[in-house]
Structures are given as structure tokens and as C-alpha cells.
Protein backbone atom coordinates (compact mmCIF):
# COMPACT_ATOMS: atom_id res chain seq x y z
CA MET A 1 9.47 93.60 23.63
CA THR A 2 11.22 96.46 21.12
CA LYS A 3 13.84 96.37 18.90
CA PRO A 4 14.98 99.69 17.17
CA ALA A 5 14.57 99.38 13.45
CA ILE A 6 17.05 101.62 12.84
CA ALA A 7 20.16 99.92 14.42
CA GLY A 8 23.29 101.42 12.87
CA PRO A 9 25.18 102.45 9.78
CA THR A 10 24.69 99.02 8.48
CA ALA A 11 21.03 99.63 8.73
CA VAL A 12 20.51 102.57 7.59
CA GLY A 13 23.09 105.69 6.40
CA PHE A 14 23.81 108.83 8.49
CA ARG A 15 21.80 111.29 5.76
CA SER A 16 19.20 109.73 5.44
CA GLU A 17 17.34 108.35 8.34
CA ARG A 18 19.80 109.18 10.85
CA GLY A 19 21.17 112.49 10.45
CA PRO A 20 17.07 113.79 11.08
CA VAL A 21 16.48 111.93 13.98
CA LEU A 22 20.10 113.25 15.80
CA VAL A 23 18.50 116.40 14.74
CA ALA A 24 15.17 115.91 16.40
CA VAL A 25 16.90 115.21 19.67
CA MET A 26 19.39 117.80 19.34
CA LEU A 27 16.39 119.82 18.82
CA SER A 28 13.94 117.97 21.78
CA THR A 29 17.35 118.33 24.13
CA GLY A 30 17.51 122.58 23.05
CA LEU A 31 14.18 122.34 25.17
CA VAL A 32 15.44 121.19 28.32
CA ALA A 33 18.67 123.27 27.91
CA LEU A 34 17.19 126.78 27.05
CA ASP A 35 14.21 126.47 29.60
CA SER A 36 16.96 125.76 32.33
CA THR A 37 18.76 129.14 30.64
CA ILE A 38 16.25 130.90 29.34
CA ILE A 39 13.89 132.17 32.64
CA ALA A 40 16.92 133.21 34.92
CA THR A 41 16.94 137.33 33.54
CA ALA A 42 13.27 137.13 33.79
CA VAL A 43 13.41 136.18 37.56
CA PRO A 44 12.71 140.27 38.03
CA SER A 45 10.10 140.64 35.43
CA ILE A 46 8.06 137.43 36.54
CA VAL A 47 8.46 138.68 39.95
CA ARG A 48 7.52 141.94 39.00
CA ASP A 49 3.68 140.86 37.84
CA LEU A 50 3.35 137.80 40.04
CA GLY A 51 4.53 139.13 43.80
CA GLY A 52 5.81 135.96 45.68
CA PHE A 53 9.31 137.17 45.39
CA SER A 54 10.22 134.81 48.73
CA GLN A 55 8.85 131.48 46.56
CA PHE A 56 10.36 132.16 43.55
CA PRO A 57 13.54 129.98 44.15
CA TRP A 58 11.07 127.16 43.78
CA LEU A 59 10.87 128.42 39.93
CA PHE A 60 14.34 126.22 39.95
CA SER A 61 13.99 123.46 42.09
CA ILE A 62 11.08 121.65 41.91
CA TYR A 63 11.89 121.93 38.24
CA LEU A 64 15.10 119.70 39.10
CA LEU A 65 12.82 117.64 41.53
CA THR A 66 10.23 116.56 39.07
CA GLN A 67 13.06 115.93 36.47
CA ALA A 68 15.30 113.87 38.65
CA VAL A 69 12.54 111.38 40.35
CA THR A 70 10.83 110.30 36.95
CA VAL A 71 14.43 110.15 35.36
CA PRO A 72 14.36 105.99 36.16
CA LEU A 73 11.24 105.61 35.52
CA TYR A 74 11.10 106.53 31.97
CA GLY A 75 14.07 104.04 31.45
CA LYS A 76 12.32 101.50 32.18
CA PHE A 77 9.26 102.50 29.98
CA ALA A 78 11.51 102.79 26.81
CA ASP A 79 13.48 99.47 27.55
CA VAL A 80 9.36 97.82 27.97
CA LEU A 81 7.53 99.97 25.37
CA GLY A 82 10.38 101.36 23.18
CA ARG A 83 12.03 104.89 23.02
CA LYS A 84 9.46 106.50 20.47
CA PRO A 85 6.05 107.13 22.31
CA VAL A 86 8.20 107.61 26.21
CA MET A 87 9.70 110.08 24.27
CA PHE A 88 6.81 111.70 22.63
CA PHE A 89 5.06 111.51 26.25
CA GLY A 90 8.00 113.43 27.32
CA ILE A 91 7.35 116.01 25.14
CA ALA A 92 3.92 116.46 25.31
CA VAL A 93 4.05 116.98 29.10
CA PHE A 94 6.93 119.18 28.36
CA LEU A 95 4.91 121.20 25.96
CA LEU A 96 1.66 121.50 28.48
CA GLY A 97 3.64 122.18 31.28
CA SER A 98 5.40 125.51 28.87
CA VAL A 99 1.70 126.63 28.28
CA LEU A 100 0.37 126.69 31.30
CA CYS A 101 3.84 128.32 32.40
CA GLY A 102 3.01 130.73 29.88
CA ALA A 103 -0.64 131.20 30.83
CA ALA A 104 -0.07 131.28 34.59
CA TRP A 105 -2.06 134.36 36.82
CA SER A 106 0.15 133.43 40.25
CA MET A 107 3.12 132.29 41.67
CA PRO A 108 2.23 129.10 43.35
CA VAL A 109 0.41 128.00 39.55
CA LEU A 110 3.64 128.80 37.75
CA ILE A 111 4.80 126.78 40.16
CA ALA A 112 2.66 123.82 39.91
CA ALA A 113 3.72 124.36 36.05
CA ARG A 114 7.21 124.35 36.41
CA ALA A 115 5.96 120.67 38.45
CA VAL A 116 4.64 119.39 34.69
CA GLN A 117 7.69 120.84 32.97
CA GLY A 118 10.08 118.81 35.34
CA ILE A 119 7.95 115.97 34.52
CA GLY A 120 8.17 116.36 31.36
CA ALA A 121 12.15 117.20 30.75
CA GLY A 122 12.53 113.94 32.35
CA ALA A 123 11.95 111.60 29.68
CA VAL A 124 14.01 114.32 27.12
CA GLN A 125 17.20 113.88 28.24
CA PRO A 126 17.75 110.56 28.66
CA ILE A 127 15.58 108.73 26.41
CA SER A 128 17.88 110.93 23.56
CA MET A 129 20.93 109.75 24.65
CA THR A 130 19.66 106.09 24.49
CA MET A 131 18.40 106.72 21.29
CA ILE A 132 22.16 108.11 19.92
CA GLY A 133 22.99 105.07 21.88
CA ASP A 134 20.62 102.64 19.58
CA LEU A 135 21.91 104.28 16.89
CA TYR A 136 25.07 104.91 16.53
CA THR A 137 28.34 102.74 17.06
CA VAL A 138 30.69 102.87 20.34
CA LYS A 139 32.94 104.74 18.13
CA GLU A 140 30.86 107.31 17.18
CA ARG A 141 29.12 107.83 20.19
CA ALA A 142 31.32 110.23 21.77
CA ARG A 143 31.11 112.48 18.62
CA VAL A 144 27.57 112.69 18.95
CA GLN A 145 27.21 113.41 22.37
CA GLY A 146 29.14 116.60 21.17
CA TYR A 147 26.66 117.34 19.06
CA VAL A 148 24.10 117.23 21.71
CA ALA A 149 26.37 118.37 23.92
CA SER A 150 26.94 121.62 21.72
CA VAL A 151 23.31 122.07 22.29
CA TRP A 152 24.28 123.29 26.13
CA ALA A 153 26.68 125.62 24.74
CA ILE A 154 24.63 127.53 22.71
CA ALA A 155 21.85 127.77 25.00
CA SER A 156 23.21 128.67 27.58
CA VAL A 157 25.00 131.56 25.39
CA ILE A 158 21.48 132.58 24.38
CA GLY A 159 19.49 131.86 26.78
CA PRO A 160 19.63 134.98 29.09
CA THR A 161 19.98 136.71 26.33
CA LEU A 162 16.90 135.84 24.95
CA GLY A 163 15.30 135.79 27.87
CA GLY A 164 15.89 139.13 29.12
CA VAL A 165 15.16 140.07 24.94
CA PHE A 166 11.41 138.70 25.98
CA ALA A 167 11.29 140.27 29.19
CA GLU A 168 11.83 143.69 28.60
CA TYR A 169 10.75 144.16 24.89
CA LEU A 170 7.32 141.90 24.75
CA THR A 171 6.50 139.46 28.08
CA TRP A 172 8.06 137.67 29.81
CA ARG A 173 4.95 134.72 28.72
CA TRP A 174 6.90 133.98 25.32
CA ILE A 175 10.15 132.70 27.50
CA PHE A 176 7.67 129.88 27.60
CA PHE A 177 5.36 130.21 24.58
CA VAL A 178 8.56 129.34 22.33
CA ASN A 179 8.93 125.82 23.41
CA LEU A 180 6.22 125.16 21.02
CA PRO A 181 7.39 125.70 17.82
CA LEU A 182 10.17 123.82 18.88
CA GLY A 183 8.70 121.24 19.83
CA ALA A 184 5.81 120.86 17.52
CA ILE A 185 9.04 120.25 14.79
CA ALA A 186 10.90 117.60 16.59
CA VAL A 187 7.93 115.73 17.58
CA TRP A 188 7.62 115.88 13.33
CA MET A 189 11.09 115.04 12.48
CA LEU A 190 10.97 111.91 15.12
CA ALA A 191 7.63 110.66 13.30
CA ARG A 192 8.68 110.69 10.56
CA LYS A 193 11.95 109.47 10.78
CA PHE A 194 12.78 107.35 13.68
CA ASN A 195 10.75 104.36 13.91
CA GLU A 196 10.26 101.05 15.81
CA ASN A 197 8.87 97.16 15.69
CA VAL A 198 7.37 96.29 18.40
CA GLU A 199 6.49 93.29 19.65
CA ARG A 200 3.20 92.54 21.67
CA SER A 201 3.85 91.09 24.87
CA LYS A 202 2.50 91.25 28.61
CA HIS A 203 4.22 93.45 31.19
CA ARG A 204 3.79 93.76 34.71
CA ILE A 205 4.52 96.98 36.02
CA ASP A 206 5.86 97.65 39.07
CA TYR A 207 3.76 100.85 40.30
CA THR A 208 4.62 100.07 44.08
CA GLY A 209 8.33 100.00 43.10
CA ALA A 210 7.41 103.08 41.47
CA ALA A 211 5.50 105.02 44.30
CA LEU A 212 8.17 104.42 46.77
CA LEU A 213 11.61 105.20 44.73
CA THR A 214 9.03 108.46 43.76
CA ILE A 215 8.36 109.25 46.86
CA GLY A 216 11.59 108.32 48.59
CA CYS A 217 13.62 110.78 45.78
CA SER A 218 11.30 113.63 46.01
CA LEU A 219 11.33 113.36 49.79
CA LEU A 220 15.34 112.96 49.88
CA ILE A 221 15.88 116.16 46.67
CA LEU A 222 13.51 118.64 49.01
CA GLY A 223 15.14 117.61 52.23
CA LEU A 224 18.67 118.84 50.36
CA LEU A 225 17.19 121.62 48.17
CA GLU A 226 15.31 123.57 51.05
CA GLY A 227 17.38 122.16 54.81
CA GLY A 228 18.90 125.63 56.04
CA VAL A 229 17.11 127.57 53.92
CA ALA A 230 13.50 126.51 54.37
CA TRP A 231 14.44 125.01 57.79
CA GLY A 232 17.09 123.61 60.07
CA TRP A 233 19.19 121.14 59.30
CA GLY A 234 18.36 119.82 62.86
CA SER A 235 14.65 121.25 62.99
CA ALA A 236 12.32 118.67 63.45
CA PRO A 237 10.76 119.11 59.45
CA SER A 238 13.85 118.64 58.34
CA VAL A 239 14.73 115.01 60.52
CA LEU A 240 11.00 113.84 59.95
CA ILE A 241 11.36 114.27 55.99
CA PHE A 242 14.78 112.48 55.86
CA VAL A 243 13.51 110.06 58.17
CA VAL A 244 10.68 109.20 55.93
CA ALA A 245 12.52 109.47 52.40
CA ALA A 246 15.38 106.47 54.34
CA ALA A 247 11.80 104.39 55.20
CA MET A 248 10.76 104.71 51.29
CA LEU A 249 13.77 103.68 49.78
CA ALA A 250 14.55 100.80 52.58
CA GLY A 251 10.83 99.90 51.23
CA PHE A 252 11.59 100.30 47.54
CA VAL A 253 14.77 97.95 48.23
CA PHE A 254 12.52 95.57 49.36
CA VAL A 255 9.95 95.74 46.46
CA GLU A 256 12.67 95.36 43.93
CA ARG A 257 13.64 92.57 45.37
CA ARG A 258 10.77 90.96 44.46
CA ALA A 259 9.64 92.54 41.52
CA ALA A 260 8.90 90.41 37.94
CA GLU A 261 9.97 93.66 36.33
CA PRO A 262 11.94 96.41 38.56
CA VAL A 263 11.40 99.80 37.61
CA LEU A 264 14.66 100.40 38.48
CA PRO A 265 16.86 96.87 38.39
CA LEU A 266 19.10 96.89 41.99
CA TRP A 267 21.93 95.33 39.39
CA VAL A 268 22.65 98.46 38.29
CA PHE A 269 24.38 99.41 41.80
CA SER A 270 26.45 96.17 41.80
CA LYS A 271 28.28 96.19 38.08
CA ARG A 272 31.54 97.53 38.70
CA THR A 273 31.69 99.50 35.19
CA LEU A 274 27.79 100.60 36.57
CA ILE A 275 28.71 101.95 39.85
CA GLY A 276 31.86 103.29 38.43
CA GLY A 277 29.68 105.55 35.90
CA ASN A 278 26.80 106.06 37.80
CA LEU A 279 29.79 108.14 40.81
CA THR A 280 30.86 109.93 37.53
CA ALA A 281 27.54 111.18 36.96
CA LEU A 282 26.71 112.03 40.53
CA VAL A 283 30.46 114.25 40.48
CA VAL A 284 29.53 115.83 36.71
CA GLY A 285 25.95 116.72 38.18
CA ALA A 286 27.87 118.10 41.46
CA VAL A 287 30.73 120.24 40.08
CA MET A 288 28.45 121.71 37.11
CA MET A 289 25.81 123.04 40.06
CA GLY A 290 28.25 124.51 41.72
CA LEU A 291 30.36 126.15 38.93
CA SER A 292 27.18 127.41 37.42
CA SER A 293 25.99 128.82 40.16
CA TYR A 294 28.83 130.64 41.84
CA LEU A 295 31.11 131.79 39.15
CA PRO A 296 28.31 133.98 38.03
CA THR A 297 27.83 135.37 41.19
CA TYR A 298 31.96 135.84 41.57
CA ALA A 299 32.11 137.57 38.26
CA GLN A 300 29.41 140.09 39.36
CA GLY A 301 30.03 140.52 43.01
CA VAL A 302 33.81 140.25 43.47
CA LEU A 303 34.68 141.09 39.86
CA GLY A 304 32.09 143.47 39.67
CA THR A 305 31.16 142.91 35.74
CA GLY A 306 27.46 143.18 34.36
CA ALA A 307 25.43 140.09 33.81
CA LEU A 308 26.21 139.68 30.33
CA ALA A 309 29.60 139.22 30.97
CA ALA A 310 29.49 136.54 34.03
CA GLY A 311 27.48 134.97 31.35
CA PHE A 312 30.44 135.11 29.52
CA ALA A 313 32.77 133.39 31.98
CA LEU A 314 29.92 130.39 32.46
CA ALA A 315 29.51 129.86 28.06
CA ALA A 316 33.11 129.00 28.23
CA LEU A 317 32.77 125.81 30.60
CA THR A 318 30.46 124.85 28.15
CA ILE A 319 31.95 125.26 24.82
CA GLY A 320 35.02 122.95 26.16
CA TRP A 321 32.77 120.71 26.77
CA PRO A 322 31.01 119.17 23.25
CA ILE A 323 34.98 120.27 22.36
CA ALA A 324 36.35 117.59 24.17
CA ALA A 325 33.52 115.48 23.98
CA SER A 326 33.50 115.02 20.31
CA LEU A 327 36.98 114.24 20.51
CA SER A 328 36.78 111.69 23.32
CA GLY A 329 35.49 108.56 20.97
CA ARG A 330 39.26 109.21 19.12
CA VAL A 331 40.85 108.41 23.10
CA TYR A 332 38.54 105.80 24.15
CA MET A 333 39.27 103.50 21.15
CA ARG A 334 42.49 103.74 21.59
CA ILE A 335 42.95 103.29 25.43
CA GLY A 336 39.99 102.17 26.10
CA PHE A 337 37.05 103.86 28.93
CA ARG A 338 38.59 104.21 32.51
CA ASP A 339 41.54 105.68 31.04
CA THR A 340 40.33 108.38 29.06
CA ALA A 341 37.85 109.07 31.98
CA LEU A 342 40.19 109.42 34.66
CA ILE A 343 42.78 111.81 31.93
CA GLY A 344 39.50 113.85 31.58
CA SER A 345 38.94 113.36 35.72
CA GLY A 346 42.62 114.92 36.08
CA ILE A 347 41.96 117.83 34.02
CA VAL A 348 38.75 118.08 36.23
CA VAL A 349 41.08 118.75 39.46
CA LEU A 350 43.27 121.40 37.40
CA GLY A 351 40.20 123.20 36.68
CA THR A 352 38.82 123.01 39.93
CA VAL A 353 42.03 124.29 40.81
CA LEU A 354 42.24 127.21 38.86
CA ILE A 355 39.48 127.82 40.22
CA ALA A 356 40.14 128.35 43.53
CA MET A 357 43.11 130.16 42.60
CA LEU A 358 41.03 132.88 41.91
CA SER A 359 41.37 136.20 43.60
CA GLN A 360 39.98 139.56 44.06
CA HIS A 361 41.69 141.03 41.64
CA SER A 362 41.61 137.84 38.70
CA THR A 363 40.54 138.69 35.30
CA LEU A 364 37.75 137.88 33.58
CA TRP A 365 39.40 136.53 31.10
CA GLU A 366 41.14 134.03 34.10
CA ALA A 367 37.66 132.75 35.18
CA ALA A 368 36.66 131.97 32.11
CA ALA A 369 39.75 130.26 30.77
CA ALA A 370 40.02 127.92 33.96
CA ALA A 371 35.73 127.37 33.42
CA PHE A 372 37.13 126.14 29.67
CA VAL A 373 39.57 124.23 31.16
CA LEU A 374 37.08 122.43 34.03
CA GLY A 375 34.40 121.78 30.92
CA ALA A 376 36.99 119.86 28.53
CA GLY A 377 37.85 117.80 31.48
CA LEU A 378 34.03 117.39 31.95
CA GLY A 379 33.32 116.28 28.56
CA LEU A 380 35.99 113.85 28.37
CA ALA A 381 35.25 112.54 31.53
CA SER A 382 31.42 111.83 31.24
CA SER A 383 31.01 111.24 27.08
CA PRO A 384 33.73 107.63 28.10
CA THR A 385 31.82 106.23 31.14
CA VAL A 386 27.69 107.09 29.93
CA VAL A 387 29.26 105.34 26.28
CA ALA A 388 31.31 102.74 28.51
CA VAL A 389 27.52 101.82 31.36
CA GLN A 390 25.74 101.47 27.46
CA SER A 391 28.02 99.05 26.08
CA THR A 392 27.96 96.94 28.78
CA VAL A 393 23.91 96.04 28.11
CA GLY A 394 21.79 94.88 25.31
CA TRP A 395 19.46 96.95 23.50
CA ASP A 396 16.66 95.86 26.38
CA ARG A 397 18.32 97.30 29.17
CA ARG A 398 20.16 100.10 27.94
CA GLY A 399 17.64 102.48 28.92
CA VAL A 400 17.66 101.48 32.25
CA VAL A 401 21.62 101.96 32.69
CA THR A 402 21.01 105.59 30.76
CA ALA A 403 18.53 106.80 32.52
CA THR A 404 20.10 105.67 35.47
CA ASN A 405 23.37 107.60 35.04
CA MET A 406 20.67 110.50 34.16
CA PHE A 407 19.86 110.28 37.33
CA SER A 408 22.60 110.01 39.15
CA ARG A 409 23.13 113.16 37.40
CA SER A 410 20.39 114.80 38.52
CA MET A 411 20.76 113.79 42.59
CA GLY A 412 24.07 115.33 41.89
CA SER A 413 22.87 118.17 41.35
CA ALA A 414 20.51 118.82 43.94
CA VAL A 415 23.14 117.17 46.71
CA GLY A 416 25.40 119.72 45.65
CA ALA A 417 22.73 122.89 45.13
CA ALA A 418 22.46 121.35 49.05
CA VAL A 419 26.25 121.43 50.36
CA PHE A 420 28.08 124.71 48.06
CA GLY A 421 24.65 126.60 49.21
CA ALA A 422 24.95 125.53 53.40
CA ILE A 423 28.79 126.56 52.46
CA ALA A 424 27.85 130.15 50.32
CA ASN A 425 25.33 130.75 53.16
CA ALA A 426 27.80 129.70 56.35
CA THR A 427 30.73 131.87 55.02
CA LEU A 428 28.56 134.98 54.54
CA ALA A 429 26.80 134.96 57.91
CA SER A 430 29.66 134.23 59.81
CA ARG A 431 31.08 137.79 57.60
CA PHE A 432 28.01 139.41 58.51
CA ASP A 433 27.35 138.43 62.12
CA HIS A 434 30.85 140.43 62.44
CA PRO A 435 31.45 143.13 60.42
CA PRO A 436 34.33 146.19 60.95
CA ALA A 437 32.90 148.96 63.04
CA ALA A 438 33.45 151.53 60.10
CA VAL A 439 30.12 149.24 57.99
CA ALA A 440 28.25 147.90 60.88
CA GLY A 441 26.00 150.78 60.93
CA HIS A 442 25.21 150.95 57.29
CA LEU A 443 24.49 147.31 56.16
CA PRO A 444 20.83 146.08 55.83
CA PRO A 445 19.82 143.19 58.27
CA SER A 446 21.24 140.15 56.25
CA VAL A 447 22.52 138.46 53.80
CA ASP A 448 20.49 140.27 50.64
CA ALA A 449 22.65 143.09 51.38
CA THR A 450 24.74 141.09 48.42
CA SER A 451 22.15 142.18 46.26
CA LEU A 452 23.84 146.05 46.02
CA VAL A 453 27.40 144.63 44.34
CA LEU A 454 25.30 142.04 41.85
CA GLY A 455 24.87 143.27 38.44
CA GLY A 456 27.80 145.46 37.69
CA LYS A 457 25.98 147.74 40.38
CA ALA A 458 28.12 149.26 43.30
CA GLU A 459 25.34 151.03 45.58
CA GLY A 460 26.49 152.07 49.48
CA THR A 461 29.14 153.48 50.72
CA PRO A 462 32.93 153.06 49.03
CA ALA A 463 32.88 150.62 52.85
CA VAL A 464 30.61 148.92 52.86
CA THR A 465 31.10 148.08 49.28
CA GLU A 466 34.35 147.32 49.88
CA PHE A 467 33.07 144.82 52.87
CA ILE A 468 30.10 142.52 50.97
CA ARG A 469 32.92 142.16 47.86
CA GLY A 470 35.06 140.66 50.74
CA ALA A 471 32.33 138.43 52.10
CA LEU A 472 31.02 137.56 48.68
CA PHE A 473 35.14 135.90 47.29
CA ASP A 474 34.63 134.26 50.97
CA ALA A 475 31.79 132.82 50.24
CA THR A 476 32.48 132.05 46.70
CA HIS A 477 35.81 130.72 47.82
CA HIS A 478 35.44 128.49 50.08
CA VAL A 479 32.79 127.07 47.13
CA PHE A 480 35.51 126.77 45.03
CA LEU A 481 38.05 124.79 47.19
CA ALA A 482 34.55 122.42 47.57
CA LEU A 483 34.75 121.93 44.14
CA VAL A 484 38.71 120.96 44.53
CA VAL A 485 37.35 118.14 46.73
CA VAL A 486 34.39 116.80 44.53
CA GLY A 487 36.86 116.96 40.78
CA ALA A 488 39.20 114.24 43.05
CA LEU A 489 36.52 112.16 44.91
CA GLY A 490 35.67 111.27 41.08
CA VAL A 491 38.73 110.33 40.20
CA VAL A 492 38.10 107.28 42.96
CA GLY A 493 34.89 107.21 41.58
CA LEU A 494 36.33 105.96 38.06
CA LEU A 495 39.17 103.88 39.76
CA LEU A 496 36.11 101.53 40.63
CA MET A 497 35.71 100.72 36.36
CA PRO A 498 37.82 98.01 35.35
CA ARG A 499 40.07 98.57 32.79
CA ARG A 500 38.33 96.51 30.12
CA THR A 501 34.23 96.88 29.82
CA GLU A 502 32.63 93.38 28.37
CA GLU A 503 28.95 93.36 27.52
CA LEU A 504 27.27 91.81 31.11
CA THR A 505 24.61 88.90 30.99
CA PHE A 506 22.12 88.38 33.33
CA VAL A 507 19.88 85.87 34.62
């Protein structure tokens, strides 16, 4: 059993101990946040040096995959071993992956190194949120989570710019090497300021359950990410992957019912507060994936802006989020977690409707304003549910419930990537299969023709350009309509939460 030496404001002052720990947590989060955005603008340089253009999507997929499947494991280990060693392990593995990425000599090696990075990143975000739950009171957590959320806002603005600078003036390898000093500072500050009292006792690690969960979730996310892309949804590989994934997860449930110390206790799926909070996280992950993937495509391909301007539109989302998250604490202390999150979910639905109302003749400012509204709703819906989930259990279970919430968000991102990608690809394929006679003979033989209008370019004849922009608008518009449906499902999920959240007891 482990217990924190720093338990809240009564134990230590914000400026003396909690402040430096918060800075270290924000730096650790910054590693993951920056790495999620900085690589995008460097892909052309990486492909030019290493080759493997057809493989580069795996740079993102493998990172998301390994990060998602390891989150529940870290949550359990944090409750058994303490937050500090798990956080140190995650940062160390992430930095090792960064070194391997920077030294990669081929695309397969770089993909493998990104998998290592994802394994490390799987510890950083959930343990960061768990440490905040340990150090700060319920009233303080929303404000502090707003600070952490602002790290993502900063990363979304400077990440693509910094990646472009490194790729153009130095080398893309510095995109990964820049993580080393940031990680070293975070480890140094945590080692000095974050203390835990660890009571040594015997624990039975559920290795069988961990293996079944990892393999089952890996196959499930793999099938969702690559279905309809690498193979057809109804093809033999797709069916085989989903069947084996289902068998592994069924075996996991069977093992967890009998495990002395399950890696992911099944009670996290049996309480209304936890179910509602995890469903909200699932929706948040899906909405974030849909908007971050297709709003820049809409801005560049439909409105004709450059990559930097498209990044500005998306940055509005991550500006609205921390502002709303910081203010949510005052609201939920008055009206409760669920009602505050319901207000946020209502704003999310409004934001998705505004996004869906964007036309081919909308302005970039209109897109940014809609993204800001959506971000504010996500901040107001996400933060109260995370705090509610953490408040239902004691310290020794906070790691598990926080990690499960982060896992749900990752699964939402994976499912969103698959569903929204299928919608966009099906729309584009339909349009390109039936082009007008005036452009039929002038289009490249695949939907790769969309690259002719991305990044502010307008290559080809005016008729071809107009047709491609119209096809891209249809594809992104259909994705935005799907976001409205997902946002509405978030409201339904929140209605499962009780209005009053009390600490749960388990026997």
C-alpha cells in the first residue's frame, strides 16, 4: 500500500511544494502534447530522408495504439507501487523512444521507435491527472486541470511551427531530441519535490489479465484504425482481427472476475458515476479526433488557406478548453458535477452544429469561432467528470479510475478515427467515381488528387480545382454532421450519472 506524503493544502503550501510539482506535471504533459503536434509538419522531410510514404500513417497509428492499451496497466501499477516510480518509468521509456526516433535509419525503425514512445506516453497523462487528484482539493482541481489543459493549447500553436522550423532549417531529428532536456527537468523537479510514503507489502500482479487486455485492445484498435484503409471492413483479415479481439477481451473478463488483484477491476464499469464519466471521455476523444483531423483539411482544401492559418482555426479549440476548465470548478461547487457537465455538453452540441453549418464560402474566423465554442463546451464537460470520477474513490483506487477515464478517451479517439475516416473516404470515393465530364479526364486516378488543393495550393485547371474543393467540402461536412450525433450521445451518457456524487465503498 502506498500513500502520498503530500495530500493537500493542509499538508503543504502551494508555493513551497505543490507549485513545483505542478510545473513538473505540466512539463511531463508537454512532452506528450508537443509530440502529438510537432511531427505533423515534418512528415514530408521524414519521408524524403527515409522513404516509405505508404507507411507514414503508422507513425501516428502505432503511437495511439501503444499509448491506449498501456493506460489501464499504469493506473493499476500507480495504485500498487505509487505514482512516482510509474511516472519516472513512463518518462524514461518516452525519452528512450525519442532517442530511438531521432536515430532511426529507416521508416520501419522509426515506426518501432514511435511504439516505444507510445508505451511511455501511456503513463504520463493518466498519472499526471492522478497526481493532481492527490495534491489538490475537489474545489481546486478544475482550476489546476485548466493549467494542464493550457499545455495542450500552447503545444497546438507552437508544435507545428517548431516542427516546420526544425525540418526546414536544422533536421527533423531534433523534433525528437528536443524532448530530452524537457524530460530531464521534469524528472529532476519531481525527484526533489514529490514525496510518497511507500508501505511495503506483497502484491499479486495480474499478468494474465494484463496480457489479455493488451492483446485484445491492441487488435481492436488496430482493426478500427486500419479497417477500410489497409483492408476492407468485410475482408478476412478484418473479420479475423475482430473475432480474436473479442475472444481475448472475453477471456479478460473471465480472468478479472477471479483475480485477487485485477489489473482493471470490473467494478469501474458497474457504478453510474464511473460509467457516465467514462462515456463522456469516450465522446470527448471522438470529438477531438474528428475536429483535429478534418477542420484543418476543411480550412486548407475548401477555404484555400495555408497550413499555418488552418492551425490557427484549430488552436481556437484548445484556447476555449482551458478557459472553460479553469472556470468549471466554481460552477460544479454550486450546482454539482453532472449538471455542470450537462451545460458543457449542451455547448458541445451547439459547437458541433456551428461546425456543421460551415459552408464553402464561410470565413476562417467563422470556423475558428465555432471551434472556440466547441472547445469551451469540452472543457466544461470534461473537467467536472474527471473530478467526479476521482471523487468517488479513495487514494488507493484513484489511479485505476483516472486511467480508465483516460483509456476511454483514447478508445474514443481510435473509434472516431475509424468512423470519421470511413465517412470521409466513402464520400470522396463516391464523388471521384462519378466526376463531371469536364474534369473526368484531368483527375489523378485516386483520391490523392485532394493534395492538389491542400496547403493553400490550387494546382490544375479551375474546373478540376473547383470539383476537388467541392468533394472535400462534402467529405468534411459529412464528418461534421457525424460530430453533431456524437455530441448528442454525450448528453445521453451524462444522464446516467447521479446528480449527487458520493465516495463509493467496495468490499
